[in-house]
PDB file of N, CA and C in Angstrom:
ATOM      1  N   MET A   1     -15.251   5.521  -6.591  1.00  0.00           N
ATOM      2  CA  MET A   1     -14.808   4.353  -5.862  1.00  0.00           C
ATOM      3  C   MET A   1     -14.056   4.731  -4.590  1.00  0.00           C
ATOM      4  N   GLU A   2     -13.372   5.884  -4.564  1.00  0.00           N
ATOM      5  CA  GLU A   2     -12.625   6.282  -3.383  1.00  0.00           C
ATOM      6  C   GLU A   2     -13.519   6.579  -2.192  1.00  0.00           C
ATOM      7  N   ASN A   3     -14.725   7.059  -2.431  1.00  0.00           N
ATOM      8  CA  ASN A   3     -15.619   7.406  -1.342  1.00  0.00           C
ATOM      9  C   ASN A   3     -16.368   6.198  -0.793  1.00  0.00           C
ATOM     10  N   GLN A   4     -16.272   5.043  -1.466  1.00  0.00           N
ATOM     11  CA  GLN A   4     -16.986   3.864  -1.012  1.00  0.00           C
ATOM     12  C   GLN A   4     -16.203   3.147   0.089  1.00  0.00           C
ATOM     13  N   ASN A   5     -16.924   2.376   0.877  1.00  0.00           N
ATOM     14  CA  ASN A   5     -16.323   1.587   1.927  1.00  0.00           C
ATOM     15  C   ASN A   5     -15.564   0.416   1.301  1.00  0.00           C
ATOM     16  N   LYS A   6     -14.263   0.321   1.542  1.00  0.00           N
ATOM     17  CA  LYS A   6     -13.444  -0.728   0.944  1.00  0.00           C
ATOM     18  C   LYS A   6     -13.910  -2.113   1.380  1.00  0.00           C
ATOM     19  N   MET A   7     -14.389  -2.234   2.600  1.00  0.00           N
ATOM     20  CA  MET A   7     -14.792  -3.540   3.090  1.00  0.00           C
ATOM     21  C   MET A   7     -16.074  -4.031   2.431  1.00  0.00           C
ATOM     22  N   GLY A   8     -16.800  -3.139   1.795  1.00  0.00           N
ATOM     23  CA  GLY A   8     -18.034  -3.531   1.130  1.00  0.00           C
ATOM     24  C   GLY A   8     -17.893  -3.810  -0.349  1.00  0.00           C
ATOM     25  N   VAL A   9     -16.833  -3.299  -0.971  1.00  0.00           N
ATOM     26  CA  VAL A   9     -16.715  -3.423  -2.426  1.00  0.00           C
ATOM     27  C   VAL A   9     -15.467  -4.171  -2.889  1.00  0.00           C
ATOM     28  N   MET A  10     -14.442  -4.270  -2.065  1.00  0.00           N
ATOM     29  CA  MET A  10     -13.192  -4.907  -2.475  1.00  0.00           C
ATOM     30  C   MET A  10     -13.327  -6.432  -2.364  1.00  0.00           C
ATOM     31  N   PRO A  11     -12.767  -7.190  -3.303  1.00  0.00           N
ATOM     32  CA  PRO A  11     -12.800  -8.655  -3.200  1.00  0.00           C
ATOM     33  C   PRO A  11     -12.101  -9.117  -1.915  1.00  0.00           C
ATOM     34  N   ILE A  12     -12.609 -10.180  -1.309  1.00  0.00           N
ATOM     35  CA  ILE A  12     -12.135 -10.619   0.008  1.00  0.00           C
ATOM     36  C   ILE A  12     -10.647 -10.969   0.024  1.00  0.00           C
ATOM     37  N   PRO A  13     -10.109 -11.761  -0.921  1.00  0.00           N
ATOM     38  CA  PRO A  13      -8.661 -12.057  -0.845  1.00  0.00           C
ATOM     39  C   PRO A  13      -7.793 -10.798  -0.910  1.00  0.00           C
ATOM     40  N   ARG A  14      -8.141  -9.886  -1.788  1.00  0.00           N
ATOM     41  CA  ARG A  14      -7.381  -8.636  -1.901  1.00  0.00           C
ATOM     42  C   ARG A  14      -7.541  -7.787  -0.639  1.00  0.00           C
ATOM     43  N   LEU A  15      -8.747  -7.787  -0.069  1.00  0.00           N
ATOM     44  CA  LEU A  15      -9.006  -7.030   1.154  1.00  0.00           C
ATOM     45  C   LEU A  15      -8.191  -7.585   2.324  1.00  0.00           C
ATOM     46  N   LEU A  16      -8.110  -8.910   2.439  1.00  0.00           N
ATOM     47  CA  LEU A  16      -7.327  -9.505   3.517  1.00  0.00           C
ATOM     48  C   LEU A  16      -5.862  -9.131   3.417  1.00  0.00           C
ATOM     49  N   ILE A  17      -5.324  -9.168   2.208  1.00  0.00           N
ATOM     50  CA  ILE A  17      -3.925  -8.785   2.017  1.00  0.00           C
ATOM     51  C   ILE A  17      -3.742  -7.300   2.339  1.00  0.00           C
ATOM     52  N   PHE A  18      -4.661  -6.475   1.883  1.00  0.00           N
ATOM     53  CA  PHE A  18      -4.593  -5.027   2.112  1.00  0.00           C
ATOM     54  C   PHE A  18      -4.658  -4.703   3.606  1.00  0.00           C
ATOM     55  N   MET A  19      -5.522  -5.401   4.343  1.00  0.00           N
ATOM     56  CA  MET A  19      -5.697  -5.125   5.764  1.00  0.00           C
ATOM     57  C   MET A  19      -4.577  -5.741   6.607  1.00  0.00           C
ATOM     58  N   ALA A  20      -3.869  -6.733   6.072  1.00  0.00           N
ATOM     59  CA  ALA A  20      -2.829  -7.412   6.842  1.00  0.00           C
ATOM     60  C   ALA A  20      -1.510  -6.648   6.865  1.00  0.00           C
ATOM     61  N   TYR A  21      -1.270  -5.778   5.893  1.00  0.00           N
ATOM     62  CA  TYR A  21       0.020  -5.072   5.831  1.00  0.00           C
ATOM     63  C   TYR A  21       0.381  -4.323   7.117  1.00  0.00           C
ATOM     64  N   PRO A  22      -0.506  -3.558   7.730  1.00  0.00           N
ATOM     65  CA  PRO A  22      -0.109  -2.854   8.958  1.00  0.00           C
ATOM     66  C   PRO A  22       0.292  -3.809  10.087  1.00  0.00           C
ATOM     67  N   MET A  23      -0.431  -4.925  10.231  1.00  0.00           N
ATOM     68  CA  MET A  23      -0.088  -5.887  11.274  1.00  0.00           C
ATOM     69  C   MET A  23       1.243  -6.563  11.002  1.00  0.00           C
ATOM     70  N   ILE A  24       1.469  -6.941   9.750  1.00  0.00           N
ATOM     71  CA  ILE A  24       2.734  -7.579   9.382  1.00  0.00           C
ATOM     72  C   ILE A  24       3.891  -6.625   9.652  1.00  0.00           C
ATOM     73  N   PHE A  25       3.738  -5.372   9.290  1.00  0.00           N
ATOM     74  CA  PHE A  25       4.778  -4.372   9.527  1.00  0.00           C
ATOM     75  C   PHE A  25       5.027  -4.195  11.021  1.00  0.00           C
ATOM     76  N   SER A  26       3.966  -4.148  11.802  1.00  0.00           N
ATOM     77  CA  SER A  26       4.085  -3.974  13.251  1.00  0.00           C
ATOM     78  C   SER A  26       4.859  -5.126  13.888  1.00  0.00           C
ATOM     79  N   PHE A  27       4.517  -6.354  13.525  1.00  0.00           N
ATOM     80  CA  PHE A  27       5.219  -7.504  14.092  1.00  0.00           C
ATOM     81  C   PHE A  27       6.669  -7.560  13.598  1.00  0.00           C
ATOM     82  N   PHE A  28       6.910  -7.180  12.367  1.00  0.00           N
ATOM     83  CA  PHE A  28       8.268  -7.149  11.837  1.00  0.00           C
ATOM     84  C   PHE A  28       9.119  -6.152  12.624  1.00  0.00           C
ATOM     85  N   VAL A  29       8.585  -4.974  12.888  1.00  0.00           N
ATOM     86  CA  VAL A  29       9.316  -3.966  13.664  1.00  0.00           C
ATOM     87  C   VAL A  29       9.600  -4.495  15.065  1.00  0.00           C
ATOM     88  N   ASN A  30       8.637  -5.169  15.663  1.00  0.00           N
ATOM     89  CA  ASN A  30       8.825  -5.728  17.009  1.00  0.00           C
ATOM     90  C   ASN A  30       9.939  -6.769  17.027  1.00  0.00           C
ATOM     91  N   VAL A  31       9.959  -7.662  16.051  1.00  0.00           N
ATOM     92  CA  VAL A  31      10.992  -8.700  15.995  1.00  0.00           C
ATOM     93  C   VAL A  31      12.359  -8.081  15.729  1.00  0.00           C
ATOM     94  N   VAL A  32      12.433  -7.131  14.809  1.00  0.00           N
ATOM     95  CA  VAL A  32      13.721  -6.479  14.519  1.00  0.00           C
ATOM     96  C   VAL A  32      14.233  -5.749  15.757  1.00  0.00           C
ATOM     97  N   TYR A  33      13.340  -5.098  16.486  1.00  0.00           N
ATOM     98  CA  TYR A  33      13.733  -4.411  17.723  1.00  0.00           C
ATOM     99  C   TYR A  33      14.343  -5.403  18.712  1.00  0.00           C
ATOM    100  N   ASN A  34      13.705  -6.548  18.886  1.00  0.00           N
ATOM    101  CA  ASN A  34      14.216  -7.529  19.842  1.00  0.00           C
ATOM    102  C   ASN A  34      15.532  -8.154  19.393  1.00  0.00           C
ATOM    103  N   VAL A  35      15.707  -8.371  18.101  1.00  0.00           N
ATOM    104  CA  VAL A  35      16.979  -8.913  17.597  1.00  0.00           C
ATOM    105  C   VAL A  35      18.099  -7.903  17.817  1.00  0.00           C
ATOM    106  N   ILE A  36      17.863  -6.655  17.487  1.00  0.00           N
ATOM    107  CA  ILE A  36      18.885  -5.618  17.682  1.00  0.00           C
ATOM    108  C   ILE A  36      19.188  -5.443  19.169  1.00  0.00           C
ATOM    109  N   ASP A  37      18.153  -5.509  19.997  1.00  0.00           N
ATOM    110  CA  ASP A  37      18.344  -5.404  21.442  1.00  0.00           C
ATOM    111  C   ASP A  37      19.217  -6.553  21.945  1.00  0.00           C
ATOM    112  N   SER A  38      18.968  -7.758  21.465  1.00  0.00           N
ATOM    113  CA  SER A  38      19.772  -8.911  21.875  1.00  0.00           C
ATOM    114  C   SER A  38      21.217  -8.763  21.412  1.00  0.00           C
ATOM    115  N   LEU A  39      21.424  -8.288  20.193  1.00  0.00           N
ATOM    116  CA  LEU A  39      22.794  -8.076  19.703  1.00  0.00           C
ATOM    117  C   LEU A  39      23.525  -7.029  20.534  1.00  0.00           C
ATOM    118  N   PHE A  40      22.843  -5.939  20.875  1.00  0.00           N
ATOM    119  CA  PHE A  40      23.452  -4.883  21.673  1.00  0.00           C
ATOM    120  C   PHE A  40      23.825  -5.398  23.062  1.00  0.00           C
ATOM    121  N   VAL A  41      22.889  -6.097  23.696  1.00  0.00           N
ATOM    122  CA  VAL A  41      23.111  -6.578  25.052  1.00  0.00           C
ATOM    123  C   VAL A  41      24.183  -7.662  25.091  1.00  0.00           C
ATOM    124  N   SER A  42      24.297  -8.439  24.012  1.00  0.00           N
ATOM    125  CA  SER A  42      25.291  -9.515  24.010  1.00  0.00           C
ATOM    126  C   SER A  42      26.722  -8.994  23.986  1.00  0.00           C
ATOM    127  N   HIS A  43      26.903  -7.723  23.691  1.00  0.00           N
ATOM    128  CA  HIS A  43      28.247  -7.136  23.656  1.00  0.00           C
ATOM    129  C   HIS A  43      28.577  -6.346  24.926  1.00  0.00           C
ATOM    130  N   LEU A  44      27.794  -6.507  25.975  1.00  0.00           N
ATOM    131  CA  LEU A  44      28.076  -5.813  27.234  1.00  0.00           C
ATOM    132  C   LEU A  44      29.363  -6.343  27.845  1.00  0.00           C
ATOM    133  N   ALA A  45      30.125  -5.441  28.414  1.00  0.00           N
ATOM    134  CA  ALA A  45      31.349  -5.846  29.100  1.00  0.00           C
ATOM    135  C   ALA A  45      31.002  -6.192  30.544  1.00  0.00           C
ATOM    136  N   ASP A  46      31.844  -6.982  31.160  1.00  0.00           N
ATOM    137  CA  ASP A  46      31.635  -7.320  32.570  1.00  0.00           C
ATOM    138  C   ASP A  46      31.896  -6.077  33.409  1.00  0.00           C
ATOM    139  N   THR A  47      30.851  -5.513  33.969  1.00  0.00           N
ATOM    140  CA  THR A  47      30.970  -4.281  34.753  1.00  0.00           C
ATOM    141  C   THR A  47      30.436  -4.527  36.151  1.00  0.00           C
ATOM    142  N   SER A  48      30.849  -3.721  37.050  1.00  0.00           N
ATOM    143  CA  SER A  48      30.390  -3.750  38.446  1.00  0.00           C
ATOM    144  C   SER A  48      30.598  -5.116  39.086  1.00  0.00           C
ATOM    145  N   GLY A  49      31.600  -5.826  38.650  1.00  0.00           N
ATOM    146  CA  GLY A  49      31.895  -7.120  39.246  1.00  0.00           C
ATOM    147  C   GLY A  49      30.930  -8.218  38.853  1.00  0.00           C
ATOM    148  N   ILE A  50      30.086  -7.993  37.859  1.00  0.00           N
ATOM    149  CA  ILE A  50      29.154  -9.023  37.413  1.00  0.00           C
ATOM    150  C   ILE A  50      29.863  -9.868  36.366  1.00  0.00           C
ATOM    151  N   VAL A  51      30.063 -11.130  36.695  1.00  0.00           N
ATOM    152  CA  VAL A  51      30.737 -12.042  35.771  1.00  0.00           C
ATOM    153  C   VAL A  51      29.716 -12.507  34.735  1.00  0.00           C
ATOM    154  N   ASN A  52      30.138 -12.578  33.483  1.00  0.00           N
ATOM    155  CA  ASN A  52      29.259 -12.992  32.377  1.00  0.00           C
ATOM    156  C   ASN A  52      28.013 -12.109  32.281  1.00  0.00           C
ATOM    157  N   ALA A  53      28.213 -10.801  32.332  1.00  0.00           N
ATOM    158  CA  ALA A  53      27.080  -9.868  32.298  1.00  0.00           C
ATOM    159  C   ALA A  53      26.290  -9.999  31.004  1.00  0.00           C
ATOM    160  N   SER A  54      27.001 -10.192  29.881  1.00  0.00           N
ATOM    161  CA  SER A  54      26.279 -10.280  28.609  1.00  0.00           C
ATOM    162  C   SER A  54      25.435 -11.544  28.539  1.00  0.00           C
ATOM    163  N   ASP A  55      25.942 -12.660  29.075  1.00  0.00           N
ATOM    164  CA  ASP A  55      25.153 -13.893  29.077  1.00  0.00           C
ATOM    165  C   ASP A  55      23.885 -13.736  29.915  1.00  0.00           C
ATOM    166  N   LYS A  56      24.033 -13.100  31.076  1.00  0.00           N
ATOM    167  CA  LYS A  56      22.878 -12.908  31.958  1.00  0.00           C
ATOM    168  C   LYS A  56      21.876 -11.931  31.338  1.00  0.00           C
ATOM    169  N   ALA A  57      22.394 -10.927  30.644  1.00  0.00           N
ATOM    170  CA  ALA A  57      21.501  -9.955  30.013  1.00  0.00           C
ATOM    171  C   ALA A  57      20.713 -10.589  28.867  1.00  0.00           C
ATOM    172  N   VAL A  58      21.370 -11.416  28.059  1.00  0.00           N
ATOM    173  CA  VAL A  58      20.677 -12.100  26.965  1.00  0.00           C
ATOM    174  C   VAL A  58      19.649 -13.079  27.526  1.00  0.00           C
ATOM    175  N   THR A  59      19.988 -13.757  28.618  1.00  0.00           N
ATOM    176  CA  THR A  59      19.029 -14.653  29.266  1.00  0.00           C
ATOM    177  C   THR A  59      17.817 -13.875  29.753  1.00  0.00           C
ATOM    178  N   ALA A  60      18.046 -12.707  30.334  1.00  0.00           N
ATOM    179  CA  ALA A  60      16.929 -11.878  30.797  1.00  0.00           C
ATOM    180  C   ALA A  60      16.039 -11.453  29.630  1.00  0.00           C
ATOM    181  N   LEU A  61      16.658 -11.089  28.508  1.00  0.00           N
ATOM    182  CA  LEU A  61      15.863 -10.732  27.330  1.00  0.00           C
ATOM    183  C   LEU A  61      15.082 -11.923  26.803  1.00  0.00           C
ATOM    184  N   SER A  62      15.703 -13.093  26.832  1.00  0.00           N
ATOM    185  CA  SER A  62      15.031 -14.296  26.354  1.00  0.00           C
ATOM    186  C   SER A  62      13.831 -14.646  27.221  1.00  0.00           C
ATOM    187  N   LEU A  63      13.900 -14.333  28.488  1.00  0.00           N
ATOM    188  CA  LEU A  63      12.768 -14.583  29.383  1.00  0.00           C
ATOM    189  C   LEU A  63      11.704 -13.493  29.279  1.00  0.00           C
ATOM    190  N   ALA A  64      12.121 -12.282  28.978  1.00  0.00           N
ATOM    191  CA  ALA A  64      11.172 -11.169  28.907  1.00  0.00           C
ATOM    192  C   ALA A  64      10.380 -11.154  27.605  1.00  0.00           C
ATOM    193  N   TYR A  65      10.965 -11.659  26.515  1.00  0.00           N
ATOM    194  CA  TYR A  65      10.297 -11.600  25.217  1.00  0.00           C
ATOM    195  C   TYR A  65       8.965 -12.351  25.199  1.00  0.00           C
ATOM    196  N   PRO A  66       8.876 -13.575  25.707  1.00  0.00           N
ATOM    197  CA  PRO A  66       7.567 -14.243  25.713  1.00  0.00           C
ATOM    198  C   PRO A  66       6.528 -13.515  26.556  1.00  0.00           C
ATOM    199  N   VAL A  67       6.963 -12.929  27.665  1.00  0.00           N
ATOM    200  CA  VAL A  67       6.030 -12.163  28.498  1.00  0.00           C
ATOM    201  C   VAL A  67       5.525 -10.951  27.724  1.00  0.00           C
ATOM    202  N   GLN A  68       6.433 -10.284  27.022  1.00  0.00           N
ATOM    203  CA  GLN A  68       6.050  -9.136  26.199  1.00  0.00           C
ATOM    204  C   GLN A  68       5.046  -9.560  25.132  1.00  0.00           C
ATOM    205  N   MET A  69       5.284 -10.693  24.488  1.00  0.00           N
ATOM    206  CA  MET A  69       4.366 -11.168  23.447  1.00  0.00           C
ATOM    207  C   MET A  69       3.005 -11.541  24.027  1.00  0.00           C
ATOM    208  N   LEU A  70       2.967 -12.101  25.233  1.00  0.00           N
ATOM    209  CA  LEU A  70       1.689 -12.411  25.886  1.00  0.00           C
ATOM    210  C   LEU A  70       0.901 -11.139  26.192  1.00  0.00           C
ATOM    211  N   ILE A  71       1.592 -10.111  26.641  1.00  0.00           N
ATOM    212  CA  ILE A  71       0.923  -8.838  26.930  1.00  0.00           C
ATOM    213  C   ILE A  71       0.374  -8.228  25.641  1.00  0.00           C
ATOM    214  N   ILE A  72       1.157  -8.276  24.575  1.00  0.00           N
ATOM    215  CA  ILE A  72       0.690  -7.765  23.281  1.00  0.00           C
ATOM    216  C   ILE A  72      -0.501  -8.574  22.793  1.00  0.00           C
ATOM    217  N   ALA A  73      -0.430  -9.909  22.907  1.00  0.00           N
ATOM    218  CA  ALA A  73      -1.536 -10.765  22.471  1.00  0.00           C
ATOM    219  C   ALA A  73      -2.801 -10.468  23.264  1.00  0.00           C
ATOM    220  N   PHE A  74      -2.677 -10.246  24.566  1.00  0.00           N
ATOM    221  CA  PHE A  74      -3.838  -9.910  25.391  1.00  0.00           C
ATOM    222  C   PHE A  74      -4.450  -8.585  24.935  1.00  0.00           C
ATOM    223  N   GLY A  75      -3.600  -7.588  24.703  1.00  0.00           N
ATOM    224  CA  GLY A  75      -4.103  -6.287  24.256  1.00  0.00           C
ATOM    225  C   GLY A  75      -4.777  -6.361  22.897  1.00  0.00           C
ATOM    226  N   VAL A  76      -4.177  -7.099  21.976  1.00  0.00           N
ATOM    227  CA  VAL A  76      -4.773  -7.256  20.644  1.00  0.00           C
ATOM    228  C   VAL A  76      -6.092  -8.009  20.748  1.00  0.00           C
ATOM    229  N   GLY A  77      -6.138  -9.035  21.596  1.00  0.00           N
ATOM    230  CA  GLY A  77      -7.379  -9.787  21.787  1.00  0.00           C
ATOM    231  C   GLY A  77      -8.498  -8.924  22.331  1.00  0.00           C
ATOM    232  N   ILE A  78      -8.190  -8.089  23.308  1.00  0.00           N
ATOM    233  CA  ILE A  78      -9.201  -7.171  23.852  1.00  0.00           C
ATOM    234  C   ILE A  78      -9.649  -6.204  22.765  1.00  0.00           C
ATOM    235  N   GLY A  79      -8.699  -5.686  22.002  1.00  0.00           N
ATOM    236  CA  GLY A  79      -9.051  -4.747  20.927  1.00  0.00           C
ATOM    237  C   GLY A  79      -9.940  -5.375  19.874  1.00  0.00           C
ATOM    238  N   VAL A  80      -9.638  -6.604  19.484  1.00  0.00           N
ATOM    239  CA  VAL A  80     -10.452  -7.290  18.477  1.00  0.00           C
ATOM    240  C   VAL A  80     -11.840  -7.573  19.031  1.00  0.00           C
ATOM    241  N   GLY A  81     -11.908  -7.998  20.286  1.00  0.00           N
ATOM    242  CA  GLY A  81     -13.207  -8.277  20.904  1.00  0.00           C
ATOM    243  C   GLY A  81     -14.081  -7.033  21.013  1.00  0.00           C
ATOM    244  N   VAL A  82     -13.494  -5.933  21.432  1.00  0.00           N
ATOM    245  CA  VAL A  82     -14.255  -4.684  21.543  1.00  0.00           C
ATOM    246  C   VAL A  82     -14.703  -4.213  20.164  1.00  0.00           C
ATOM    247  N   ASN A  83     -13.817  -4.319  19.171  1.00  0.00           N
ATOM    248  CA  ASN A  83     -14.172  -3.910  17.814  1.00  0.00           C
ATOM    249  C   ASN A  83     -15.314  -4.751  17.267  1.00  0.00           C
ATOM    250  N   ALA A  84     -15.263  -6.068  17.502  1.00  0.00           N
ATOM    251  CA  ALA A  84     -16.340  -6.948  17.038  1.00  0.00           C
ATOM    252  C   ALA A  84     -17.653  -6.608  17.732  1.00  0.00           C
ATOM    253  N   ASN A  85     -17.586  -6.321  19.027  1.00  0.00           N
ATOM    254  CA  ASN A  85     -18.791  -5.959  19.780  1.00  0.00           C
ATOM    255  C   ASN A  85     -19.378  -4.644  19.274  1.00  0.00           C
ATOM    256  N   LEU A  86     -18.526  -3.660  19.045  1.00  0.00           N
ATOM    257  CA  LEU A  86     -18.994  -2.376  18.515  1.00  0.00           C
ATOM    258  C   LEU A  86     -19.603  -2.545  17.127  1.00  0.00           C
ATOM    259  N   SER A  87     -18.948  -3.322  16.281  1.00  0.00           N
ATOM    260  CA  SER A  87     -19.456  -3.534  14.930  1.00  0.00           C
ATOM    261  C   SER A  87     -20.800  -4.237  14.951  1.00  0.00           C
ATOM    262  N   ARG A  88     -20.931  -5.226  15.813  1.00  0.00           N
ATOM    263  CA  ARG A  88     -22.190  -5.971  15.897  1.00  0.00           C
ATOM    264  C   ARG A  88     -23.331  -5.063  16.334  1.00  0.00           C
ATOM    265  N   HIS A  89     -23.103  -4.291  17.396  1.00  0.00           N
ATOM    266  CA  HIS A  89     -24.163  -3.404  17.888  1.00  0.00           C
ATOM    267  C   HIS A  89     -24.475  -2.282  16.898  1.00  0.00           C
ATOM    268  N   SER A  90     -23.451  -1.768  16.242  1.00  0.00           N
ATOM    269  CA  SER A  90     -23.698  -0.721  15.237  1.00  0.00           C
ATOM    270  C   SER A  90     -24.474  -1.287  14.054  1.00  0.00           C
ATOM    271  N   GLY A  91     -24.124  -2.502  13.644  1.00  0.00           N
ATOM    272  CA  GLY A  91     -24.834  -3.135  12.535  1.00  0.00           C
ATOM    273  C   GLY A  91     -26.280  -3.450  12.869  1.00  0.00           C
ATOM    274  N   GLU A  92     -26.555  -3.759  14.123  1.00  0.00           N
ATOM    275  CA  GLU A  92     -27.928  -4.029  14.558  1.00  0.00           C
ATOM    276  C   GLU A  92     -28.731  -2.741  14.727  1.00  0.00           C
ATOM    277  N   GLY A  93     -28.045  -1.621  14.700  1.00  0.00           N
ATOM    278  CA  GLY A  93     -28.717  -0.342  14.882  1.00  0.00           C
ATOM    279  C   GLY A  93     -28.855   0.039  16.346  1.00  0.00           C
ATOM    280  N   ASP A  94     -28.251  -0.720  17.241  1.00  0.00           N
ATOM    281  CA  ASP A  94     -28.307  -0.446  18.678  1.00  0.00           C
ATOM    282  C   ASP A  94     -27.165   0.503  19.038  1.00  0.00           C
ATOM    283  N   HIS A  95     -27.319   1.764  18.665  1.00  0.00           N
ATOM    284  CA  HIS A  95     -26.251   2.743  18.851  1.00  0.00           C
ATOM    285  C   HIS A  95     -26.042   3.091  20.319  1.00  0.00           C
ATOM    286  N   GLU A  96     -27.078   2.934  21.138  1.00  0.00           N
ATOM    287  CA  GLU A  96     -26.922   3.213  22.570  1.00  0.00           C
ATOM    288  C   GLU A  96     -25.956   2.207  23.207  1.00  0.00           C
ATOM    289  N   MET A  97     -26.148   0.922  22.885  1.00  0.00           N
ATOM    290  CA  MET A  97     -25.257  -0.101  23.425  1.00  0.00           C
ATOM    291  C   MET A  97     -23.851   0.047  22.857  1.00  0.00           C
ATOM    292  N   ALA A  98     -23.716   0.375  21.591  1.00  0.00           N
ATOM    293  CA  ALA A  98     -22.401   0.601  20.991  1.00  0.00           C
ATOM    294  C   ALA A  98     -21.702   1.765  21.682  1.00  0.00           C
ATOM    295  N   SER A  99     -22.462   2.789  22.007  1.00  0.00           N
ATOM    296  CA  SER A  99     -21.893   3.936  22.703  1.00  0.00           C
ATOM    297  C   SER A  99     -21.441   3.552  24.105  1.00  0.00           C
ATOM    298  N   ARG A 100     -22.230   2.732  24.788  1.00  0.00           N
ATOM    299  CA  ARG A 100     -21.852   2.298  26.138  1.00  0.00           C
ATOM    300  C   ARG A 100     -20.595   1.434  26.103  1.00  0.00           C
ATOM    301  N   VAL A 101     -20.489   0.559  25.097  1.00  0.00           N
ATOM    302  CA  VAL A 101     -19.290  -0.279  24.969  1.00  0.00           C
ATOM    303  C   VAL A 101     -18.076   0.599  24.710  1.00  0.00           C
ATOM    304  N   SER A 102     -18.215   1.571  23.828  1.00  0.00           N
ATOM    305  CA  SER A 102     -17.069   2.421  23.503  1.00  0.00           C
ATOM    306  C   SER A 102     -16.665   3.289  24.688  1.00  0.00           C
ATOM    307  N   VAL A 103     -17.624   3.752  25.476  1.00  0.00           N
ATOM    308  CA  VAL A 103     -17.295   4.560  26.657  1.00  0.00           C
ATOM    309  C   VAL A 103     -16.647   3.694  27.715  1.00  0.00           C
ATOM    310  N   PHE A 104     -17.130   2.460  27.881  1.00  0.00           N
ATOM    311  CA  PHE A 104     -16.583   1.553  28.905  1.00  0.00           C
ATOM    312  C   PHE A 104     -15.119   1.220  28.610  1.00  0.00           C
ATOM    313  N   PHE A 105     -14.788   1.029  27.331  1.00  0.00           N
ATOM    314  CA  PHE A 105     -13.426   0.641  26.968  1.00  0.00           C
ATOM    315  C   PHE A 105     -12.568   1.794  26.499  1.00  0.00           C
ATOM    316  N   SER A 106     -13.019   3.014  26.618  1.00  0.00           N
ATOM    317  CA  SER A 106     -12.207   4.147  26.162  1.00  0.00           C
ATOM    318  C   SER A 106     -11.077   4.378  27.156  1.00  0.00           C
ATOM    319  N   VAL A 107      -9.972   4.876  26.647  1.00  0.00           N
ATOM    320  CA  VAL A 107      -8.817   5.129  27.494  1.00  0.00           C
ATOM    321  C   VAL A 107      -8.638   6.614  27.773  1.00  0.00           C
ATOM    322  N   ALA A 108      -9.567   7.408  27.288  1.00  0.00           N
ATOM    323  CA  ALA A 108      -9.470   8.860  27.496  1.00  0.00           C
ATOM    324  C   ALA A 108      -9.825   9.190  28.948  1.00  0.00           C
ATOM    325  N   ASP A 109      -9.128  10.146  29.491  1.00  0.00           N
ATOM    326  CA  ASP A 109      -9.434  10.603  30.849  1.00  0.00           C
ATOM    327  C   ASP A 109     -10.725  11.390  30.844  1.00  0.00           C
ATOM    328  N   SER A 110     -11.488  11.199  31.898  1.00  0.00           N
ATOM    329  CA  SER A 110     -12.762  11.953  31.985  1.00  0.00           C
ATOM    330  C   SER A 110     -12.603  13.236  32.757  1.00  0.00           C
TER     331      SER A 110
END
């Protein structure tokens, strides 16, 4: 059973839970990072003549977090789309097109 493809033999509900753990952990780490960052920044002292530095810093973090999430969502969307395209072409047996898709979206330097 270990040598078999999990996506072909595992029941779908169990497979979804199994495949979701890495994503859940990733988002949890991201949220914890932002909460700790906000707590750290909220304790900044007024330095360099900036009045209410901690308030301004927390406001900046509050504005940056949605932008960060949009960038992450865009990257995840591109990754899911490329993966679906590769899977479709590989499943059809069109390995040349799958290879072209993977080369087009690869991040390795040539």
